[in-house]
Amino acid sequence: MTPTERKANTAAMHYQIKRLWVNVERVGQRYGYPWEKYWHRELVNNGVWWNSTPFMDVLKILGRGLRLGSMLSRDT
């Protein structure tokens, strides 16, 4: 996939998620849920914050949840 296609796909996903949250807010208003300031959300590309994190820190964060024993015991 070319970088241009990736950017176009990212933009399309951004607008789809944005429309989804607009619909969620409309349903909330319909049922009487007041909008509150701590519901703020923003879309952030994973590459933006993963690229700013050193790889060893990423491994520390993700490594705790990985089970290597079952993968290492398999005969492939």
N, C-alpha and C. Protein backbone atom coordinates (compact mmCIF):
# COMPACT_ATOMS: atom_id res chain seq x y z
N MET A 1 0.85 -1.17 0.00
CA MET A 1 0.00 0.00 0.00
C MET A 1 0.91 1.24 0.00
N THR A 2 0.56 2.17 -0.81
CA THR A 2 1.38 3.38 -0.90
C THR A 2 1.08 4.32 0.26
N PRO A 3 1.99 5.22 0.58
CA PRO A 3 1.73 6.18 1.66
C PRO A 3 0.48 7.03 1.40
N THR A 4 0.21 7.35 0.15
CA THR A 4 -0.98 8.13 -0.18
C THR A 4 -2.25 7.35 0.15
N GLU A 5 -2.25 6.06 -0.18
CA GLU A 5 -3.42 5.23 0.14
C GLU A 5 -3.60 5.09 1.64
N ARG A 6 -2.50 4.95 2.37
CA ARG A 6 -2.60 4.86 3.83
C ARG A 6 -3.18 6.14 4.42
N LYS A 7 -2.74 7.29 3.92
CA LYS A 7 -3.27 8.56 4.42
C LYS A 7 -4.76 8.69 4.10
N ALA A 8 -5.15 8.27 2.91
CA ALA A 8 -6.57 8.33 2.53
C ALA A 8 -7.40 7.40 3.42
N ASN A 9 -6.89 6.21 3.69
CA ASN A 9 -7.61 5.27 4.56
C ASN A 9 -7.71 5.83 5.98
N THR A 10 -6.64 6.42 6.47
CA THR A 10 -6.66 7.00 7.81
C THR A 10 -7.69 8.13 7.90
N ALA A 11 -7.72 8.98 6.88
CA ALA A 11 -8.70 10.07 6.87
C ALA A 11 -10.12 9.53 6.81
N ALA A 12 -10.35 8.50 6.02
CA ALA A 12 -11.69 7.90 5.92
C ALA A 12 -12.11 7.31 7.27
N MET A 13 -11.21 6.61 7.94
CA MET A 13 -11.54 6.04 9.26
C MET A 13 -11.82 7.15 10.27
N HIS A 14 -11.05 8.23 10.20
CA HIS A 14 -11.26 9.35 11.10
C HIS A 14 -12.67 9.91 10.96
N TYR A 15 -13.11 10.12 9.73
CA TYR A 15 -14.45 10.67 9.51
C TYR A 15 -15.55 9.68 9.90
N GLN A 16 -15.31 8.39 9.70
CA GLN A 16 -16.31 7.39 10.11
C GLN A 16 -16.47 7.39 11.62
N ILE A 17 -15.36 7.43 12.34
CA ILE A 17 -15.43 7.43 13.81
C ILE A 17 -16.04 8.73 14.31
N LYS A 18 -15.72 9.83 13.65
CA LYS A 18 -16.29 11.12 14.04
C LYS A 18 -17.81 11.10 13.88
N ARG A 19 -18.29 10.55 12.75
CA ARG A 19 -19.74 10.44 12.53
C ARG A 19 -20.38 9.53 13.58
N LEU A 20 -19.69 8.45 13.93
CA LEU A 20 -20.20 7.53 14.94
C LEU A 20 -20.43 8.26 16.26
N TRP A 21 -19.46 9.06 16.69
CA TRP A 21 -19.59 9.76 17.97
C TRP A 21 -20.64 10.85 17.91
N VAL A 22 -20.83 11.46 16.76
CA VAL A 22 -21.91 12.44 16.62
C VAL A 22 -23.25 11.73 16.83
N ASN A 23 -23.40 10.54 16.27
CA ASN A 23 -24.63 9.77 16.45
C ASN A 23 -24.80 9.34 17.90
N VAL A 24 -23.71 8.97 18.56
CA VAL A 24 -23.79 8.58 19.98
C VAL A 24 -24.27 9.77 20.81
N GLU A 25 -23.74 10.96 20.53
CA GLU A 25 -24.16 12.14 21.27
C GLU A 25 -25.64 12.46 21.02
N ARG A 26 -26.10 12.29 19.78
CA ARG A 26 -27.51 12.54 19.47
C ARG A 26 -28.43 11.59 20.23
N VAL A 27 -28.07 10.33 20.28
CA VAL A 27 -28.87 9.36 21.02
C VAL A 27 -28.86 9.71 22.50
N GLY A 28 -27.70 10.11 23.01
CA GLY A 28 -27.63 10.51 24.41
C GLY A 28 -28.52 11.70 24.70
N GLN A 29 -28.54 12.68 23.81
CA GLN A 29 -29.42 13.83 24.00
C GLN A 29 -30.89 13.42 23.93
N ARG A 30 -31.20 12.50 23.04
CA ARG A 30 -32.59 12.05 22.90
C ARG A 30 -33.08 11.41 24.19
N TYR A 31 -32.19 10.69 24.88
CA TYR A 31 -32.59 10.02 26.12
C TYR A 31 -32.27 10.83 27.36
N GLY A 32 -31.88 12.09 27.18
CA GLY A 32 -31.75 12.99 28.31
C GLY A 32 -30.40 12.98 29.01
N TYR A 33 -29.37 12.43 28.39
CA TYR A 33 -28.05 12.46 29.01
C TYR A 33 -27.38 13.79 28.71
N PRO A 34 -27.02 14.55 29.73
CA PRO A 34 -26.36 15.83 29.45
C PRO A 34 -24.90 15.60 29.04
N TRP A 35 -24.42 16.44 28.12
CA TRP A 35 -23.02 16.36 27.71
C TRP A 35 -22.17 16.90 28.83
N GLU A 36 -21.10 16.19 29.16
CA GLU A 36 -20.23 16.63 30.24
C GLU A 36 -18.82 16.80 29.71
N LYS A 37 -18.10 17.75 30.28
CA LYS A 37 -16.79 18.12 29.74
C LYS A 37 -15.77 16.99 29.82
N TYR A 38 -15.90 16.07 30.76
CA TYR A 38 -14.92 14.99 30.86
C TYR A 38 -15.17 13.88 29.85
N TRP A 39 -16.16 14.03 28.99
CA TRP A 39 -16.38 13.07 27.90
C TRP A 39 -15.54 13.41 26.68
N HIS A 40 -14.68 14.42 26.79
CA HIS A 40 -13.85 14.84 25.65
C HIS A 40 -13.03 13.66 25.13
N ARG A 41 -12.97 13.54 23.85
CA ARG A 41 -12.19 12.48 23.23
C ARG A 41 -11.52 13.05 21.99
N GLU A 42 -10.45 12.43 21.60
CA GLU A 42 -9.77 12.84 20.39
C GLU A 42 -9.18 11.61 19.72
N LEU A 43 -9.06 11.69 18.42
CA LEU A 43 -8.48 10.60 17.65
C LEU A 43 -7.00 10.86 17.48
N VAL A 44 -6.19 9.88 17.85
CA VAL A 44 -4.74 10.01 17.73
C VAL A 44 -4.24 8.80 16.95
N ASN A 45 -3.45 9.07 15.95
CA ASN A 45 -2.85 8.00 15.18
C ASN A 45 -1.86 7.24 16.07
N ASN A 46 -1.95 5.92 16.09
CA ASN A 46 -1.04 5.13 16.92
C ASN A 46 0.42 5.42 16.62
N GLY A 47 0.74 5.67 15.36
CA GLY A 47 2.12 5.94 14.99
C GLY A 47 2.68 7.17 15.67
N VAL A 48 1.82 8.13 15.98
CA VAL A 48 2.28 9.37 16.61
C VAL A 48 2.84 9.09 18.00
N TRP A 49 2.14 8.33 18.81
CA TRP A 49 2.65 8.11 20.16
C TRP A 49 3.53 6.87 20.27
N TRP A 50 3.35 5.87 19.41
CA TRP A 50 4.27 4.73 19.46
C TRP A 50 5.65 5.12 18.97
N ASN A 51 5.73 5.99 17.97
CA ASN A 51 7.03 6.40 17.46
C ASN A 51 7.79 7.28 18.43
N SER A 52 7.10 7.92 19.36
CA SER A 52 7.78 8.76 20.34
C SER A 52 8.19 7.97 21.58
N THR A 53 7.77 6.71 21.67
CA THR A 53 8.11 5.86 22.81
C THR A 53 9.27 4.95 22.44
N PRO A 54 10.31 4.92 23.27
CA PRO A 54 11.43 4.00 22.97
C PRO A 54 10.95 2.55 22.93
N PHE A 55 11.56 1.74 22.07
CA PHE A 55 11.10 0.38 21.86
C PHE A 55 11.19 -0.46 23.13
N MET A 56 12.20 -0.23 23.94
CA MET A 56 12.31 -1.00 25.19
C MET A 56 11.14 -0.71 26.12
N ASP A 57 10.66 0.53 26.13
CA ASP A 57 9.48 0.86 26.94
C ASP A 57 8.23 0.19 26.39
N VAL A 58 8.14 0.11 25.06
CA VAL A 58 7.00 -0.59 24.45
C VAL A 58 7.02 -2.06 24.88
N LEU A 59 8.20 -2.68 24.85
CA LEU A 59 8.29 -4.08 25.27
C LEU A 59 7.95 -4.25 26.74
N LYS A 60 8.32 -3.29 27.57
CA LYS A 60 7.97 -3.36 28.99
C LYS A 60 6.46 -3.29 29.19
N ILE A 61 5.81 -2.42 28.40
CA ILE A 61 4.37 -2.25 28.51
C ILE A 61 3.63 -3.50 28.02
N LEU A 62 4.01 -3.98 26.84
CA LEU A 62 3.29 -5.10 26.22
C LEU A 62 3.76 -6.45 26.73
N GLY A 63 5.00 -6.55 27.14
CA GLY A 63 5.58 -7.83 27.52
C GLY A 63 4.91 -8.49 28.72
N ARG A 64 4.35 -7.69 29.59
CA ARG A 64 3.70 -8.26 30.78
C ARG A 64 2.49 -9.11 30.42
N GLY A 65 1.85 -8.80 29.30
CA GLY A 65 0.64 -9.53 28.92
C GLY A 65 0.89 -10.68 27.96
N LEU A 66 2.12 -10.88 27.54
CA LEU A 66 2.42 -11.94 26.58
C LEU A 66 2.77 -13.24 27.28
N ARG A 67 2.32 -14.33 26.72
CA ARG A 67 2.65 -15.65 27.25
C ARG A 67 3.55 -16.34 26.25
N LEU A 68 4.81 -16.41 26.57
CA LEU A 68 5.78 -16.97 25.65
C LEU A 68 5.92 -18.47 25.78
N GLY A 69 5.60 -19.02 26.94
CA GLY A 69 5.77 -20.45 27.15
C GLY A 69 5.04 -21.30 26.13
N SER A 70 3.80 -20.95 25.85
CA SER A 70 3.03 -21.74 24.89
C SER A 70 3.58 -21.59 23.49
N MET A 71 4.09 -20.41 23.14
CA MET A 71 4.66 -20.21 21.81
C MET A 71 5.98 -20.96 21.68
N LEU A 72 6.79 -20.95 22.72
CA LEU A 72 8.10 -21.59 22.65
C LEU A 72 8.00 -23.12 22.66
N SER A 73 6.92 -23.65 23.26
CA SER A 73 6.78 -25.10 23.35
C SER A 73 6.26 -25.73 22.06
N ARG A 74 5.77 -24.94 21.15
CA ARG A 74 5.26 -25.48 19.88
C ARG A 74 6.38 -25.88 18.96
N ASP A 75 6.17 -26.95 18.27
CA ASP A 75 7.16 -27.43 17.31
C ASP A 75 6.72 -27.00 15.93
N THR A 76 7.44 -26.03 15.36
CA THR A 76 7.07 -25.54 14.03
C THR A 76 8.15 -25.79 13.02
